[in-house]
Protein backbone atom coordinates (compact mmCIF):
# COMPACT_ATOMS: atom_id res chain seq x y z
CA MET A 1 24.28 -132.19 -18.53
CA THR A 2 22.51 -129.30 -16.78
CA ARG A 3 20.58 -129.66 -13.57
CA GLU A 4 16.96 -128.71 -13.43
CA PRO A 5 16.14 -125.71 -11.20
CA GLN A 6 13.88 -127.92 -9.08
CA ASP A 7 16.75 -130.37 -8.44
CA ARG A 8 19.00 -127.50 -7.48
CA SER A 9 16.49 -126.07 -5.03
CA LEU A 10 16.05 -129.52 -3.43
CA ALA A 11 19.82 -129.86 -3.10
CA GLU A 12 20.10 -126.35 -1.64
CA ARG A 13 17.34 -127.04 0.90
CA ALA A 14 19.04 -130.29 1.90
CA LEU A 15 22.38 -128.48 2.28
CA VAL A 16 20.80 -125.76 4.44
CA GLU A 17 19.01 -128.30 6.63
CA GLU A 18 21.93 -130.68 7.16
CA ALA A 19 24.51 -127.96 7.75
CA THR A 20 22.25 -126.07 10.18
CA LYS A 21 21.27 -129.23 12.07
CA LYS A 22 24.89 -130.18 12.66
CA SER A 23 26.20 -126.75 13.60
CA GLY A 24 25.91 -125.72 17.25
CA LEU A 25 26.01 -122.02 16.38
CA ILE A 26 24.71 -119.96 13.52
CA TRP A 27 25.65 -116.39 12.68
CA VAL A 28 22.55 -114.25 12.18
CA ARG A 29 22.34 -110.69 10.84
CA GLY A 30 18.88 -109.18 11.13
CA ALA A 31 17.58 -106.31 9.02
CA GLY A 32 19.52 -103.16 9.89
CA ALA A 33 22.01 -104.96 12.16
CA PRO A 34 25.57 -103.63 12.08
CA ALA A 35 27.07 -107.13 12.35
CA ALA A 36 26.10 -110.79 12.54
CA ARG A 37 25.69 -112.34 15.99
CA ALA A 38 26.49 -115.92 17.00
CA LEU A 39 23.37 -117.66 18.34
CA TRP A 40 22.66 -121.18 19.57
CA HIS A 41 19.69 -122.83 17.96
CA VAL A 42 17.79 -126.05 17.29
CA TRP A 43 16.66 -127.20 13.86
CA HIS A 44 13.00 -128.13 14.22
CA ASP A 45 10.26 -128.66 11.67
CA GLY A 46 12.14 -127.08 8.75
CA ALA A 47 13.54 -124.00 10.51
CA ALA A 48 16.27 -122.82 12.88
CA CYS A 49 14.56 -122.09 16.20
CA LEU A 50 15.91 -119.59 18.76
CA VAL A 51 14.99 -118.35 22.20
CA GLY A 52 16.23 -115.10 23.68
CA ASP A 53 15.84 -111.50 24.85
CA GLY A 54 14.83 -112.54 28.38
CA SER A 55 16.90 -112.60 31.53
CA GLY A 56 19.72 -115.09 31.17
CA GLU A 57 19.08 -115.76 27.49
CA GLN A 58 20.86 -114.70 24.31
CA PRO A 59 20.05 -111.27 22.87
CA LEU A 60 18.06 -111.23 19.64
CA PRO A 61 18.37 -107.63 18.45
CA HIS A 62 17.23 -106.70 14.94
CA LEU A 63 15.16 -109.89 14.61
CA THR A 64 11.51 -108.94 14.31
CA ASP A 65 8.51 -110.91 13.16
CA GLY A 66 8.03 -110.77 9.40
CA ASP A 67 11.49 -109.38 8.60
CA SER A 68 14.26 -111.25 6.86
CA ALA A 69 17.65 -112.24 8.21
CA GLU A 70 20.88 -113.58 6.76
CA VAL A 71 22.00 -116.85 8.36
CA THR A 72 25.56 -118.14 8.01
CA VAL A 73 26.31 -121.70 9.06
CA ARG A 74 29.79 -122.75 10.06
CA SER A 75 31.43 -126.15 9.97
CA LYS A 76 31.33 -127.86 13.35
CA ASP A 77 34.82 -129.33 13.00
CA LYS A 78 36.77 -126.61 11.13
CA GLY A 79 34.72 -123.53 11.99
CA GLY A 80 34.70 -122.24 8.40
CA ARG A 81 31.66 -120.98 6.51
CA LEU A 82 29.61 -123.75 4.92
CA VAL A 83 26.56 -121.96 3.61
CA SER A 84 24.69 -118.65 3.92
CA TRP A 85 20.95 -118.45 3.43
CA THR A 86 18.13 -115.96 3.73
CA ALA A 87 15.52 -116.55 6.40
CA ARG A 88 12.09 -115.20 7.19
CA VAL A 89 11.71 -114.41 10.92
CA VAL A 90 8.54 -115.77 12.54
CA GLN A 91 7.79 -115.12 16.22
CA LEU A 92 5.77 -117.86 17.92
CA ALA A 93 3.07 -116.90 20.42
CA PRO A 94 3.33 -118.56 23.86
CA GLY A 95 0.80 -121.29 24.47
CA THR A 96 0.25 -122.20 20.82
CA GLU A 97 0.87 -125.72 19.59
CA ALA A 98 3.85 -124.58 17.48
CA TRP A 99 5.35 -122.72 20.48
CA GLU A 100 4.98 -125.77 22.75
CA ALA A 101 6.62 -128.13 20.23
CA THR A 102 9.47 -125.70 19.55
CA VAL A 103 10.09 -125.02 23.24
CA ALA A 104 10.22 -128.77 23.94
CA GLU A 105 13.08 -129.05 21.42
CA LEU A 106 14.87 -125.94 22.71
CA LYS A 107 14.56 -127.08 26.33
CA GLY A 108 16.46 -130.27 25.55
CA LYS A 109 19.39 -128.31 24.11
CA ARG A 110 19.58 -125.44 26.62
CA LEU A 111 22.73 -125.80 28.69
CA ASN A 112 23.18 -124.47 32.23
CA ALA A 113 19.69 -123.05 32.64
CA PRO A 114 19.46 -121.19 35.96
CA ASP A 115 15.93 -122.36 36.71
CA GLY A 116 15.71 -125.93 35.38
CA GLU A 117 12.11 -127.07 34.94
CA ALA A 118 10.69 -123.56 35.43
CA MET A 119 12.58 -122.45 32.33
CA THR A 120 9.63 -122.80 29.93
CA GLY A 121 7.44 -120.63 32.17
CA ARG A 122 10.12 -117.95 32.20
CA TRP A 123 10.43 -118.20 28.42
CA ALA A 124 6.66 -117.71 28.06
CA ALA A 125 6.69 -114.64 30.33
CA GLU A 126 9.97 -112.93 29.41
CA CYS A 127 11.44 -114.29 26.17
CA ARG A 128 10.78 -114.51 22.47
CA VAL A 129 10.82 -117.81 20.59
CA LEU A 130 11.67 -117.32 16.91
CA ARG A 131 11.72 -119.50 13.83
CA LEU A 132 14.15 -118.64 11.05
CA GLU A 133 12.49 -120.26 8.03
CA PRO A 134 14.52 -120.64 4.83
CA ALA A 135 13.21 -118.23 2.20
CA GLY A 136 14.90 -118.16 -1.17
CA GLY A 137 18.16 -119.73 -2.26
CA ILE A 138 21.59 -119.85 -0.77
CA ALA A 139 24.05 -117.00 -1.14
CA PRO A 140 27.27 -117.54 -3.10
CA LEU A 141 30.44 -117.92 -1.04
CA PRO A 142 32.39 -114.65 -0.78
CA ASP A 143 35.76 -114.08 -2.45
CA GLY A 144 37.30 -112.16 0.45
CA SER A 145 37.62 -112.56 4.20
CA LEU A 146 34.56 -110.65 5.48
CA ALA A 147 36.25 -110.41 8.90
CA GLU A 148 34.66 -107.73 11.06
CA ALA A 149 35.72 -105.86 14.15
CA PRO A 150 34.36 -107.34 17.41
CA LEU A 151 31.17 -105.88 18.85
CA PRO A 152 31.63 -103.42 21.74
CA SER A 153 31.96 -105.21 25.08
CA PRO A 154 32.83 -104.38 28.69
CA ALA A 155 35.40 -107.20 28.58
CA THR A 156 39.04 -106.17 28.41
CA THR A 157 42.15 -107.87 27.12
CA ARG A 158 44.65 -109.21 29.59
CA GLU A 159 47.75 -107.35 30.66
CA PRO A 160 51.22 -108.24 29.31
CA VAL A 161 52.87 -111.28 30.90
CA PRO A 162 55.06 -110.25 33.88
CA ALA A 163 58.78 -110.49 33.12
CA GLY A 164 59.46 -113.02 35.93
CA LEU A 165 56.67 -115.45 35.05
CA PRO A 166 58.62 -117.62 32.57
CA ARG A 167 61.31 -118.26 35.23
CA LEU A 168 58.68 -119.23 37.82
CA LEU A 169 57.02 -121.64 35.41
CA LEU A 170 60.37 -123.15 34.39
CA ARG A 171 61.29 -123.71 38.08
CA LYS A 172 58.00 -125.58 38.70
CA ARG A 173 58.64 -127.86 35.74
CA LYS A 174 62.16 -128.67 36.97
CA ARG A 175 60.82 -129.57 40.44
CA ALA A 176 58.08 -131.77 38.98
CA GLY A 177 60.64 -133.62 36.84
CA ARG A 178 62.84 -134.71 39.80
């Protein structure tokens, strides 16, 4: 028994929606980007919605209105790739009905905002609100690893553990056990 193409597209859309809703992060690679970037999002009205590029918000390089992007959704519990899909990037204009509805959803999920209730005003003045709308089917799962080198960062790795540290830790455990 073969499935009809329409049934398959409905199943694919349902997979994209459910997986993206449940995942806290999505990996997004915009057109011309050297690597995918992990971004927090909210699924709202049939699309993954993002806010960024302003002070204190996530960077959204290589995501421009009208371009396409590749979105990879990971499993919330295992962290492995669930599905990859192609998205059309749509930038919402501040003050529009769509922008207001999307920002209301994003505001509820934004953790540790530095300015609390004034956050939406800052987003209107300094940030971009984007919708990543599914466009086309899902990509097949890769055969290989696809692991990439980390993006350049000012962060450094820690130094080697000092030689005397294991003895100090062992002494503290012995004292706590008495």
